[in-house]
Amino acid sequence: MPEPAQQVRDWLATYDSSTASVAELLCDRHPRQAVALTEIGPDLAARDTTYGELADRSAALAAGMAALGVGPGDHVATLVGGGTDLAATALAAWRIGAVHIPLLTAFAPSAIAHRLTPATRLVVCDDDQRAKLDPGPDLPAEPPWRVATTGHAPLREGDRTLDDLADPGAGAPAEAAAVGGGAPFVLMHTAGSAGPAKRIPVPVRALAAFHAYHHYGLDVADDDVFWNTADPSGAYGLYHGLIAPLLAGHRTLHVQAGFDPELVLDVLALHQVTNLAAAPTVYRSLRATLKTLPPEIAVRRLSSAGEPLGPDVLEWARDVFGVPVRDHYGQTELGMCVGHPGHPDLADEPRTDSLGAALPGWRATVLEPVADEEAPPGAFGRIAVDVKASPLMWFTGYHDAPTATAARFTPDGRWYLTGDTGTRDREGRLYFSSRDDDAILTSGYRIGPFDVETALLEHPAVQEAAVYGVPDDLHGQLVAATVVLREGFTGDDGLAEDLREIVRTRFATHAYPRRITFADELPRSPSGKIRRSRLGPSRA
């Protein structure tokens, strides 16, 4: 294996070429008999899918999509839990040069509607998600997209099933499209702190960044049993639980069940997982559940991402598992760019108080609070990525959002501003302090206050609402809300539960405010902006 800088250049030469084909890179070039994905049900029953089976299934689906009129540059959305159907659908879209839009199954119709674009030609959903796509206040009666479900029979007139689409009568599958390194192949969304979720086109050349983290950050080896517990329709789960393992030709586990710490332990033991990546909430839950480690569990690498993992949990994990949890840091706009690498050529001794240092292909530092200059070691400032010195940097801006894009970069384009603050030491290790924006990180999800506030304001009792995060030992943060009511309404437990329900049904089930308080007015600055810093834990 070449040294890291050369390996990064080699990956970029392959993934940023004019002939780059996503389906070829993630599937067709690998041995057909090798296992690509193991789908595990709630009963722990497992089903393996080989690269050959995935190639054949996605090729047949691609032919069916093309017969429906889906072509290069069109969008294909998925409202599907993890597993073979998700992988095959995404690969089918990439095979014809289309763009994949992943949707969390926790989303309500309003969140789904915001993420579907005029270029969306097909939405694939699990049967239990189909009702969310029905016409209503958020979705049109005559949408520009067709719907295909994962079950055995269509659920609405005009619907298709994946089996229908993969029917040999759809025609011969075309050769996998070569779209080139600059073409988008995924359209992600990131929660906005002061507006709707912003669209992030992910170009094919980003595969180099994903592969680098898979290799150097997670240290996934050919003989590993790798499991990333994150939702594969979110950034960390999609980039590093589906795309990167397929890119590297490795097997990945997808568990089709809600989170339960006992289930996590059962999967680790039964499937002999050797490399685990998980959000801090998973480790905190295991700590609260696990007394002694079953002898069947022998994990050689533990990784965490999404938010800082406290020293107490890190020390517990080392004592129980016998290996450290290596913390990593990144964003939807970047993938993972900072951390404690697991690869033996780079592995350091993780510091419990640090995010780690820049991973191969990246340069990250801390800028002065106001000036766009590097702050000296130990000084507080803004965590930033050096665009010119980071060959793996792939994000160039949000789709149709020039103002939001400009806020992410310094005027000269030299620095990408993460929106986080902290310090660095003389060895280049970064230390997280706080978020500059108001985004809430809870159980591995990033939630924008705007989305929750918009849902709350739909309730006739609500005049104003301010949503913010409060610390929580298990989830990292909890969503909290302070609400000003209209005249004639009284704040009580019943109304608070009604407000939680409207967020569940109008935005997302994972984003409802666990803590709701009622106030006569919201604290504001002289310019009228809500001062969320004054709505902290003591008031929640």
Protein backbone atom coordinates (compact mmCIF):
# COMPACT_ATOMS: atom_id res chain seq x y z
CA MET A 1 0.00 0.00 0.00
CA PRO A 2 1.45 3.43 -0.94
CA GLU A 3 2.04 6.05 1.72
CA PRO A 4 -1.14 8.05 2.51
CA ALA A 5 -0.47 11.12 0.35
CA GLN A 6 0.23 8.96 -2.71
CA GLN A 7 -2.76 6.72 -1.98
CA VAL A 8 -5.02 9.76 -1.86
CA ARG A 9 -3.66 10.89 -5.23
CA ASP A 10 -4.28 7.42 -6.66
CA TRP A 11 -7.87 7.37 -5.44
CA LEU A 12 -8.49 10.84 -6.87
CA ALA A 13 -7.03 9.76 -10.21
CA THR A 14 -9.58 6.93 -10.33
CA TYR A 15 -12.66 8.59 -8.85
CA ASP A 16 -12.21 12.06 -10.35
CA SER A 17 -11.63 10.82 -13.89
CA SER A 18 -13.90 11.57 -16.86
CA THR A 19 -14.69 7.86 -17.16
CA ALA A 20 -15.72 7.30 -13.53
CA SER A 21 -18.83 5.10 -13.29
CA VAL A 22 -20.39 4.76 -9.84
CA ALA A 23 -22.00 1.38 -10.49
CA GLU A 24 -18.74 0.02 -11.85
CA LEU A 25 -16.72 1.35 -8.92
CA LEU A 26 -19.12 0.22 -6.19
CA CYS A 27 -20.22 -3.09 -7.64
CA ASP A 28 -19.23 -4.40 -11.05
CA ARG A 29 -15.44 -4.39 -10.55
CA HIS A 30 -15.60 -6.66 -7.49
CA PRO A 31 -15.60 -10.50 -7.49
CA ARG A 32 -19.16 -11.67 -8.15
CA GLN A 33 -19.06 -14.35 -5.46
CA ALA A 34 -17.96 -11.99 -2.67
CA VAL A 35 -20.62 -10.95 -0.15
CA ALA A 36 -21.53 -7.28 -0.50
CA LEU A 37 -24.23 -6.84 2.13
CA THR A 38 -25.73 -8.86 4.95
CA GLU A 39 -29.30 -7.89 5.81
CA ILE A 40 -30.25 -8.72 9.41
CA GLY A 41 -33.88 -8.74 10.55
CA PRO A 42 -35.31 -8.02 14.00
CA ASP A 43 -35.18 -11.78 14.71
CA LEU A 44 -31.45 -11.71 13.83
CA ALA A 45 -32.05 -13.85 10.75
CA ALA A 46 -29.47 -12.90 8.12
CA ARG A 47 -29.53 -12.85 4.32
CA ASP A 48 -26.36 -12.36 2.31
CA THR A 49 -26.29 -10.59 -1.06
CA THR A 50 -23.22 -11.06 -3.24
CA TYR A 51 -21.75 -8.46 -5.55
CA GLY A 52 -22.91 -10.57 -8.47
CA GLU A 53 -26.48 -10.67 -7.20
CA LEU A 54 -26.37 -6.94 -6.50
CA ALA A 55 -25.06 -6.27 -10.00
CA ASP A 56 -27.79 -8.36 -11.63
CA ARG A 57 -30.59 -6.91 -9.50
CA SER A 58 -29.49 -3.29 -9.97
CA ALA A 59 -29.01 -3.82 -13.72
CA ALA A 60 -32.55 -5.18 -14.05
CA LEU A 61 -33.92 -2.30 -11.97
CA ALA A 62 -31.97 0.19 -14.09
CA ALA A 63 -33.65 -1.19 -17.20
CA GLY A 64 -37.04 -0.83 -15.53
CA MET A 65 -36.28 2.73 -14.45
CA ALA A 66 -35.19 3.63 -17.97
CA ALA A 67 -38.46 2.19 -19.30
CA LEU A 68 -40.30 4.60 -16.96
CA GLY A 69 -38.37 7.48 -18.47
CA VAL A 70 -35.71 7.93 -15.78
CA GLY A 71 -32.54 9.15 -17.43
CA PRO A 72 -29.15 10.72 -16.73
CA GLY A 73 -29.37 13.61 -14.28
CA ASP A 74 -32.88 12.71 -13.11
CA HIS A 75 -33.51 12.13 -9.41
CA VAL A 76 -34.52 8.86 -7.75
CA ALA A 77 -35.57 9.12 -4.10
CA THR A 78 -35.68 6.29 -1.57
CA LEU A 79 -37.86 6.10 1.54
CA VAL A 80 -36.49 2.72 2.48
CA GLY A 81 -34.84 1.16 5.51
CA GLY A 82 -31.38 -0.29 5.15
CA GLY A 83 -30.76 -3.48 3.25
CA THR A 84 -30.56 -4.97 -0.22
CA ASP A 85 -33.51 -3.00 -1.63
CA LEU A 86 -31.83 0.29 -0.73
CA ALA A 87 -28.47 -0.77 -2.15
CA ALA A 88 -29.94 -2.17 -5.36
CA THR A 89 -32.15 0.88 -5.96
CA ALA A 90 -29.30 3.34 -5.43
CA LEU A 91 -26.99 1.32 -7.69
CA ALA A 92 -29.71 1.12 -10.35
CA ALA A 93 -30.05 4.90 -10.32
CA TRP A 94 -26.28 5.36 -10.56
CA ARG A 95 -26.12 2.76 -13.32
CA ILE A 96 -28.18 5.03 -15.59
CA GLY A 97 -26.50 8.25 -14.44
CA ALA A 98 -29.34 9.37 -12.17
CA VAL A 99 -28.95 11.07 -8.77
CA HIS A 100 -30.02 9.39 -5.52
CA ILE A 101 -31.99 11.31 -2.88
CA PRO A 102 -32.02 9.38 0.44
CA LEU A 103 -34.97 10.09 2.75
CA LEU A 104 -35.12 9.09 6.41
CA THR A 105 -38.12 6.87 7.13
CA ALA A 106 -38.70 9.02 10.24
CA PHE A 107 -39.67 11.97 8.02
CA ALA A 108 -43.25 13.21 7.83
CA PRO A 109 -44.82 14.29 4.49
CA SER A 110 -43.77 17.94 4.85
CA ALA A 111 -40.09 17.02 5.24
CA ILE A 112 -40.34 14.58 2.34
CA ALA A 113 -41.99 17.18 0.13
CA HIS A 114 -39.21 19.68 0.80
CA ARG A 115 -36.57 17.17 -0.27
CA LEU A 116 -38.24 15.96 -3.45
CA THR A 117 -37.23 18.06 -6.43
CA PRO A 118 -38.80 18.92 -9.79
CA ALA A 119 -36.29 16.48 -11.30
CA THR A 120 -37.55 13.57 -9.17
CA ARG A 121 -38.89 10.89 -11.50
CA LEU A 122 -39.22 7.93 -9.14
CA VAL A 123 -39.73 7.43 -5.40
CA VAL A 124 -39.07 3.95 -4.02
CA CYS A 125 -40.56 3.32 -0.59
CA ASP A 126 -41.24 0.54 1.86
CA ASP A 127 -44.88 -0.49 2.00
CA ASP A 128 -45.36 1.05 5.46
CA GLN A 129 -44.12 4.41 4.13
CA ARG A 130 -46.46 4.62 1.12
CA ALA A 131 -49.15 6.71 2.82
CA LYS A 132 -46.66 9.54 3.35
CA LEU A 133 -46.60 10.09 -0.42
CA ASP A 134 -50.36 10.45 -0.82
CA PRO A 135 -51.73 13.83 -2.01
CA GLY A 136 -52.33 16.30 0.79
CA PRO A 137 -51.29 19.69 2.15
CA ASP A 138 -47.64 19.01 1.29
CA LEU A 139 -47.67 16.72 -1.75
CA PRO A 140 -49.42 17.34 -5.09
CA ALA A 141 -52.29 15.30 -6.50
CA GLU A 142 -50.39 14.88 -9.77
CA PRO A 143 -46.71 14.61 -8.86
CA PRO A 144 -43.99 14.43 -11.53
CA TRP A 145 -42.74 11.15 -10.04
CA ARG A 146 -43.87 7.54 -10.08
CA VAL A 147 -43.91 5.40 -6.95
CA ALA A 148 -42.52 1.90 -6.57
CA THR A 149 -42.89 -0.09 -3.35
CA THR A 150 -40.70 -2.85 -1.94
CA GLY A 151 -43.55 -5.29 -1.29
CA HIS A 152 -45.12 -7.90 -3.53
CA ALA A 153 -48.10 -5.93 -4.84
CA PRO A 154 -48.77 -2.29 -5.81
CA LEU A 155 -50.53 -0.31 -3.08
CA ARG A 156 -52.03 2.46 -5.23
CA GLU A 157 -53.27 2.68 -8.78
CA GLY A 158 -50.34 3.46 -11.02
CA ASP A 159 -47.75 2.21 -8.52
CA ARG A 160 -45.09 -0.31 -9.41
CA THR A 161 -43.09 -2.69 -7.26
CA LEU A 162 -39.36 -3.27 -7.39
CA ASP A 163 -40.05 -6.77 -8.68
CA ASP A 164 -42.13 -5.27 -11.50
CA LEU A 165 -39.34 -2.87 -12.40
CA ALA A 166 -36.81 -5.67 -12.44
CA ASP A 167 -38.92 -7.79 -14.79
CA PRO A 168 -36.92 -9.03 -17.78
CA GLY A 169 -39.58 -7.54 -20.05
CA ALA A 170 -38.22 -4.07 -19.27
CA GLY A 171 -35.45 -4.68 -21.76
CA ALA A 172 -31.75 -5.27 -21.66
CA PRO A 173 -29.85 -3.21 -19.07
CA ALA A 174 -27.60 -0.56 -20.52
CA GLU A 175 -23.90 -0.41 -19.78
CA ALA A 176 -23.16 1.37 -16.50
CA ALA A 177 -23.05 5.11 -17.17
CA ALA A 178 -19.70 6.87 -16.95
CA VAL A 179 -20.64 10.30 -15.59
CA GLY A 180 -17.21 11.57 -14.52
CA GLY A 181 -15.85 12.82 -11.23
CA GLY A 182 -17.61 16.18 -11.27
CA ALA A 183 -21.14 14.86 -11.77
CA PRO A 184 -23.43 14.64 -8.72
CA PHE A 185 -24.56 11.15 -7.80
CA VAL A 186 -26.23 11.88 -4.44
CA LEU A 187 -28.30 14.87 -3.31
CA MET A 188 -28.07 15.24 0.45
CA HIS A 189 -29.83 17.71 2.73
CA THR A 190 -28.51 19.32 5.87
CA ALA A 191 -30.66 20.81 8.58
CA GLY A 192 -30.75 24.59 8.57
CA SER A 193 -30.44 26.59 11.77
CA ALA A 194 -32.32 29.57 10.33
CA GLY A 195 -34.14 28.15 7.33
CA PRO A 196 -35.19 24.97 5.53
CA ALA A 197 -32.75 22.15 4.92
CA LYS A 198 -30.17 23.01 2.28
CA ARG A 199 -29.37 20.76 -0.70
CA ILE A 200 -25.87 19.37 -1.05
CA PRO A 201 -24.87 17.87 -4.41
CA VAL A 202 -22.31 15.12 -3.76
CA PRO A 203 -19.99 14.65 -6.78
CA VAL A 204 -18.46 11.33 -7.78
CA ARG A 205 -14.99 12.58 -6.81
CA ALA A 206 -16.19 12.57 -3.16
CA LEU A 207 -15.69 8.80 -3.33
CA ALA A 208 -12.00 9.44 -2.74
CA ALA A 209 -12.79 11.11 0.59
CA PHE A 210 -15.15 8.30 1.58
CA HIS A 211 -12.61 5.62 0.68
CA ALA A 212 -9.83 7.42 2.57
CA TYR A 213 -11.86 7.54 5.78
CA HIS A 214 -12.94 3.91 5.37
CA HIS A 215 -9.30 2.86 5.05
CA TYR A 216 -7.40 5.23 7.32
CA GLY A 217 -10.04 6.41 9.77
CA LEU A 218 -12.07 3.24 10.35
CA ASP A 219 -9.29 0.82 9.34
CA VAL A 220 -11.73 -1.64 7.76
CA ALA A 221 -9.71 -4.64 6.60
CA ASP A 222 -10.61 -7.27 4.01
CA ASP A 223 -11.36 -9.87 6.67
CA ASP A 224 -13.36 -7.56 8.96
CA VAL A 225 -17.04 -7.95 9.71
CA PHE A 226 -17.94 -4.27 9.53
CA TRP A 227 -21.08 -2.69 10.97
CA ASN A 228 -21.95 1.00 10.92
CA THR A 229 -25.07 1.35 13.05
CA ALA A 230 -26.07 4.75 11.59
CA ASP A 231 -29.19 5.07 9.44
CA PRO A 232 -28.06 4.45 5.83
CA SER A 233 -30.28 7.28 4.63
CA GLY A 234 -28.37 9.80 6.75
CA ALA A 235 -24.96 11.16 5.82
CA TYR A 236 -22.76 9.01 8.09
CA GLY A 237 -24.71 5.83 7.39
CA LEU A 238 -24.93 6.41 3.63
CA TYR A 239 -21.36 7.57 3.08
CA HIS A 240 -19.72 5.11 5.45
CA GLY A 241 -22.23 2.29 5.96
CA LEU A 242 -23.21 1.72 2.32
CA ILE A 243 -21.12 3.63 -0.23
CA ALA A 244 -17.61 3.26 1.19
CA PRO A 245 -17.81 -0.47 2.03
CA LEU A 246 -19.11 -1.24 -1.47
CA LEU A 247 -16.42 0.99 -2.95
CA ALA A 248 -13.72 -0.95 -1.10
CA GLY A 249 -15.28 -4.32 -1.95
CA HIS A 250 -16.06 -5.10 1.69
CA ARG A 251 -19.11 -6.63 3.30
CA THR A 252 -21.36 -4.33 5.29
CA LEU A 253 -24.11 -5.21 7.77
CA HIS A 254 -27.54 -3.55 7.62
CA VAL A 255 -29.81 -4.25 10.58
CA GLN A 256 -33.52 -3.77 9.86
CA ALA A 257 -34.72 -3.03 13.36
CA GLY A 258 -35.12 -0.09 15.69
CA PHE A 259 -32.28 0.71 18.04
CA ASP A 260 -32.06 -1.46 21.13
CA PRO A 261 -28.84 -1.97 23.10
CA GLU A 262 -29.61 -5.64 23.70
CA LEU A 263 -30.06 -6.12 19.96
CA VAL A 264 -26.72 -4.41 19.33
CA LEU A 265 -25.01 -6.87 21.67
CA ASP A 266 -26.76 -9.81 20.01
CA VAL A 267 -25.62 -8.68 16.54
CA LEU A 268 -22.05 -8.14 17.75
CA ALA A 269 -21.97 -11.64 19.19
CA LEU A 270 -23.94 -13.65 16.64
CA HIS A 271 -22.33 -12.10 13.57
CA GLN A 272 -18.89 -11.76 15.15
CA VAL A 273 -18.51 -8.09 14.30
CA THR A 274 -14.88 -7.02 14.39
CA ASN A 275 -15.17 -3.36 13.34
CA LEU A 276 -17.96 -1.21 14.76
CA ALA A 277 -18.81 2.41 13.95
CA ALA A 278 -21.60 4.02 15.97
CA ALA A 279 -22.95 7.29 17.30
CA PRO A 280 -22.15 8.23 20.90
CA THR A 281 -25.73 7.36 21.93
CA VAL A 282 -25.04 3.72 21.09
CA TYR A 283 -22.03 3.59 23.39
CA ARG A 284 -23.86 5.42 26.17
CA SER A 285 -26.77 2.97 25.88
CA LEU A 286 -24.42 0.00 25.95
CA ARG A 287 -22.76 1.40 29.04
CA ALA A 288 -26.14 1.60 30.77
CA THR A 289 -27.01 -1.96 29.72
CA LEU A 290 -23.84 -4.00 29.67
CA LYS A 291 -22.51 -5.51 32.88
CA THR A 292 -19.88 -7.86 31.48
CA LEU A 293 -18.85 -8.40 27.87
CA PRO A 294 -20.04 -11.74 26.45
CA PRO A 295 -17.05 -13.88 25.40
CA GLU A 296 -18.44 -14.14 21.86
CA ILE A 297 -17.84 -10.43 21.27
CA ALA A 298 -14.32 -9.62 20.06
CA VAL A 299 -14.22 -6.22 18.35
CA ARG A 300 -10.80 -4.99 17.24
CA ARG A 301 -11.87 -1.46 16.18
CA LEU A 302 -14.45 0.88 17.75
CA SER A 303 -15.25 4.26 16.17
CA SER A 304 -17.60 7.09 17.05
CA ALA A 305 -18.86 10.14 15.16
CA GLY A 306 -21.58 12.74 15.31
CA GLU A 307 -20.72 14.56 18.52
CA PRO A 308 -17.98 14.50 21.17
CA LEU A 309 -17.93 11.35 23.29
CA GLY A 310 -17.22 12.09 26.95
CA PRO A 311 -14.09 10.83 28.72
CA ASP A 312 -16.13 8.65 31.09
CA VAL A 313 -17.68 6.66 28.22
CA LEU A 314 -14.34 6.41 26.42
CA GLU A 315 -12.66 5.01 29.53
CA TRP A 316 -15.55 2.58 30.10
CA ALA A 317 -15.34 1.29 26.53
CA ARG A 318 -11.60 0.69 26.78
CA ASP A 319 -12.07 -1.21 30.05
CA VAL A 320 -14.94 -3.35 28.74
CA PHE A 321 -13.96 -3.99 25.10
CA GLY A 322 -10.21 -3.85 25.57
CA VAL A 323 -9.78 -1.36 22.72
CA PRO A 324 -10.29 2.41 22.59
CA VAL A 325 -13.15 4.17 20.84
CA ARG A 326 -11.61 6.36 18.15
CA ASP A 327 -13.55 9.60 17.86
CA HIS A 328 -13.98 11.16 14.40
CA TYR A 329 -15.33 14.47 13.20
CA GLY A 330 -16.94 15.59 9.96
CA GLN A 331 -20.03 17.01 8.31
CA THR A 332 -22.52 16.16 5.59
CA GLU A 333 -20.65 18.68 3.41
CA LEU A 334 -17.31 16.94 3.95
CA GLY A 335 -17.62 13.36 5.07
CA MET A 336 -15.13 12.68 7.88
CA CYS A 337 -12.00 14.83 7.89
CA VAL A 338 -10.62 14.83 11.46
CA GLY A 339 -10.14 12.09 14.00
CA HIS A 340 -8.00 9.46 15.65
CA PRO A 341 -7.12 7.14 12.75
CA GLY A 342 -7.41 3.42 13.25
CA HIS A 343 -5.01 2.33 10.50
CA PRO A 344 -1.88 0.83 12.07
CA ASP A 345 0.41 3.06 10.01
CA LEU A 346 -1.21 6.14 11.52
CA ALA A 347 -2.87 4.96 14.71
CA ASP A 348 -2.25 7.21 17.68
CA GLU A 349 -3.22 6.95 21.30
CA PRO A 350 -6.67 8.60 21.38
CA ARG A 351 -6.96 11.57 23.69
CA THR A 352 -10.28 11.62 25.48
CA ASP A 353 -10.53 15.41 25.30
CA SER A 354 -9.64 15.82 21.61
CA LEU A 355 -11.37 15.37 18.24
CA GLY A 356 -8.04 14.19 16.84
CA ALA A 357 -6.05 15.66 13.97
CA ALA A 358 -6.72 16.05 10.27
CA LEU A 359 -6.97 12.70 8.45
CA PRO A 360 -4.98 11.99 5.26
CA GLY A 361 -6.06 14.27 2.42
CA TRP A 362 -7.25 17.05 4.75
CA ARG A 363 -5.85 20.04 6.59
CA ALA A 364 -7.95 21.46 9.41
CA THR A 365 -7.08 24.20 11.87
CA VAL A 366 -8.55 27.00 13.99
CA LEU A 367 -9.02 30.56 12.73
CA GLU A 368 -9.20 33.72 14.79
CA PRO A 369 -12.75 34.53 15.98
CA VAL A 370 -13.02 37.47 13.59
CA ALA A 371 -9.99 37.61 11.27
CA ASP A 372 -9.53 34.93 8.61
CA GLU A 373 -6.11 34.03 9.94
CA GLU A 374 -4.91 30.98 11.84
CA ALA A 375 -5.12 31.34 15.58
CA PRO A 376 -2.06 30.38 17.62
CA PRO A 377 -2.06 27.04 19.46
CA GLY A 378 -4.33 27.08 22.48
CA ALA A 379 -6.32 30.11 21.32
CA PHE A 380 -10.08 29.84 20.92
CA GLY A 381 -11.48 30.31 17.41
CA ARG A 382 -13.38 28.86 14.45
CA ILE A 383 -12.66 25.33 13.25
CA ALA A 384 -11.97 25.49 9.51
CA VAL A 385 -10.71 23.34 6.63
CA ASP A 386 -7.95 24.62 4.37
CA VAL A 387 -9.52 24.22 0.92
CA LYS A 388 -6.30 24.58 -1.05
CA ALA A 389 -4.34 22.18 1.14
CA SER A 390 -7.10 19.52 1.29
CA PRO A 391 -7.12 17.48 -1.94
CA LEU A 392 -10.12 15.49 -0.69
CA MET A 393 -12.28 18.62 -0.29
CA TRP A 394 -15.28 18.12 -2.58
CA PHE A 395 -18.00 20.49 -1.35
CA THR A 396 -18.32 23.62 -3.49
CA GLY A 397 -21.69 24.96 -2.38
CA TYR A 398 -25.35 24.37 -1.71
CA HIS A 399 -27.72 23.95 -4.61
CA ASP A 400 -29.43 27.25 -5.48
CA ALA A 401 -28.40 28.83 -2.16
CA PRO A 402 -25.62 31.37 -2.85
CA THR A 403 -26.05 33.20 0.45
CA ALA A 404 -25.75 30.02 2.49
CA THR A 405 -22.78 28.94 0.38
CA ALA A 406 -21.01 32.26 0.89
CA ALA A 407 -21.42 31.92 4.65
CA ARG A 408 -19.51 28.63 4.54
CA PHE A 409 -16.38 30.07 2.94
CA THR A 410 -14.12 33.00 3.64
CA PRO A 411 -14.34 35.72 0.96
CA ASP A 412 -11.13 34.55 -0.69
CA GLY A 413 -12.33 30.94 -0.80
CA ARG A 414 -9.30 29.75 1.16
CA TRP A 415 -11.16 28.41 4.19
CA TYR A 416 -14.29 26.31 4.65
CA LEU A 417 -15.96 27.30 7.92
CA THR A 418 -17.44 24.34 9.78
CA GLY A 419 -19.64 26.43 12.06
CA ASP A 420 -17.93 24.90 15.09
CA THR A 421 -15.54 26.54 17.52
CA GLY A 422 -12.61 25.19 19.49
CA THR A 423 -8.83 25.18 19.87
CA ARG A 424 -5.84 23.27 18.52
CA ASP A 425 -2.59 22.26 20.13
CA ARG A 426 0.94 22.42 18.72
CA GLU A 427 0.63 18.89 17.31
CA GLY A 428 -2.42 19.88 15.27
CA ARG A 429 -5.03 18.10 17.41
CA LEU A 430 -8.39 19.87 17.57
CA TYR A 431 -10.54 20.41 20.64
CA PHE A 432 -14.26 21.08 20.26
CA SER A 433 -15.89 23.93 22.17
CA SER A 434 -19.34 24.62 20.76
CA ARG A 435 -21.42 25.08 17.64
CA ASP A 436 -21.55 28.53 16.11
CA ASP A 437 -25.04 27.90 14.74
CA ASP A 438 -28.14 26.63 16.51
CA ALA A 439 -28.27 23.12 15.04
CA ILE A 440 -29.10 20.40 17.58
CA LEU A 441 -27.19 17.10 17.60
CA THR A 442 -29.28 14.36 19.20
CA SER A 443 -28.72 10.60 18.95
CA GLY A 444 -26.57 11.07 15.85
CA TYR A 445 -29.12 13.25 14.04
CA ARG A 446 -28.63 16.91 13.18
CA ILE A 447 -31.88 18.85 13.64
CA GLY A 448 -32.47 22.43 12.57
CA PRO A 449 -34.61 24.56 14.92
CA PHE A 450 -36.35 26.11 11.90
CA ASP A 451 -37.99 22.82 10.90
CA VAL A 452 -39.32 22.12 14.40
CA GLU A 453 -40.47 25.72 14.89
CA THR A 454 -42.30 25.64 11.57
CA ALA A 455 -44.21 22.56 12.69
CA LEU A 456 -45.05 24.06 16.10
CA LEU A 457 -46.39 27.25 14.50
CA GLU A 458 -48.99 25.19 12.65
CA HIS A 459 -50.79 24.58 15.95
CA PRO A 460 -53.53 27.18 16.46
CA ALA A 461 -52.45 27.79 20.06
CA VAL A 462 -48.89 28.84 19.19
CA GLN A 463 -48.01 32.46 18.57
CA GLU A 464 -44.20 32.07 18.72
CA ALA A 465 -41.78 29.24 19.34
CA ALA A 466 -38.04 28.96 19.94
CA VAL A 467 -36.35 25.58 19.63
CA TYR A 468 -32.91 24.80 21.04
CA GLY A 469 -30.82 21.96 22.43
CA VAL A 470 -30.23 21.07 26.05
CA PRO A 471 -27.50 18.70 27.31
CA ASP A 472 -28.42 15.08 27.94
CA ASP A 473 -26.21 12.27 29.24
CA LEU A 474 -27.61 9.62 26.87
CA HIS A 475 -28.53 11.48 23.68
CA GLY A 476 -25.93 14.25 23.78
CA GLN A 477 -28.64 16.87 23.41
CA LEU A 478 -32.41 16.88 23.62
CA VAL A 479 -34.70 19.04 21.53
CA ALA A 480 -36.40 21.64 23.73
CA ALA A 481 -38.90 24.38 22.95
CA THR A 482 -40.15 27.52 24.63
CA VAL A 483 -43.59 28.48 23.35
CA VAL A 484 -45.59 31.72 23.53
CA LEU A 485 -49.31 30.99 23.32
CA ARG A 486 -52.07 32.98 21.70
CA GLU A 487 -54.63 34.65 23.89
CA GLY A 488 -57.20 32.24 25.26
CA PHE A 489 -54.91 29.19 25.45
CA THR A 490 -53.35 27.73 28.58
CA GLY A 491 -50.10 25.82 28.68
CA ASP A 492 -50.43 22.41 30.33
CA ASP A 493 -49.26 18.82 29.90
CA GLY A 494 -52.04 18.05 27.44
CA LEU A 495 -51.12 20.93 25.14
CA ALA A 496 -47.43 20.06 25.43
CA GLU A 497 -48.18 16.54 24.19
CA ASP A 498 -50.29 17.95 21.34
CA LEU A 499 -47.31 20.06 20.31
CA ARG A 500 -44.99 17.06 20.38
CA GLU A 501 -47.41 15.16 18.18
CA ILE A 502 -47.66 17.91 15.61
CA VAL A 503 -43.87 17.86 15.23
CA ARG A 504 -43.93 14.08 14.83
CA THR A 505 -46.60 14.24 12.14
CA ARG A 506 -45.54 17.43 10.37
CA PHE A 507 -41.75 17.06 10.40
CA ALA A 508 -40.12 13.91 11.81
CA THR A 509 -40.67 11.39 14.57
CA HIS A 510 -37.12 11.76 15.94
CA ALA A 511 -37.26 15.58 16.18
CA TYR A 512 -40.10 16.26 18.62
CA PRO A 513 -39.23 18.45 21.63
CA ARG A 514 -38.79 16.31 24.73
CA ARG A 515 -38.98 19.42 26.91
CA ILE A 516 -41.57 22.16 26.38
CA THR A 517 -42.03 25.25 28.51
CA PHE A 518 -44.47 28.12 28.09
CA ALA A 519 -43.49 31.79 28.39
CA ASP A 520 -45.11 35.19 28.01
CA GLU A 521 -42.41 36.30 25.57
CA LEU A 522 -39.12 35.19 24.03
CA PRO A 523 -35.82 36.90 24.84
CA ARG A 524 -34.62 38.94 21.86
CA SER A 525 -31.67 41.06 20.85
CA PRO A 526 -32.17 44.76 19.98
CA SER A 527 -32.44 43.69 16.33
CA GLY A 528 -35.24 41.26 17.16
CA LYS A 529 -33.30 38.00 16.88
CA ILE A 530 -34.21 35.31 19.39
CA ARG A 531 -31.50 34.85 22.02
CA ARG A 532 -31.45 31.07 22.28
CA SER A 533 -28.55 31.20 24.72
CA ARG A 534 -31.00 32.50 27.31
CA LEU A 535 -33.28 29.50 26.81
CA GLY A 536 -30.95 26.95 28.36
CA PRO A 537 -31.38 23.93 30.60
CA SER A 538 -32.47 25.94 33.62
CA ARG A 539 -35.52 27.12 31.69
CA ALA A 540 -36.40 23.82 29.98
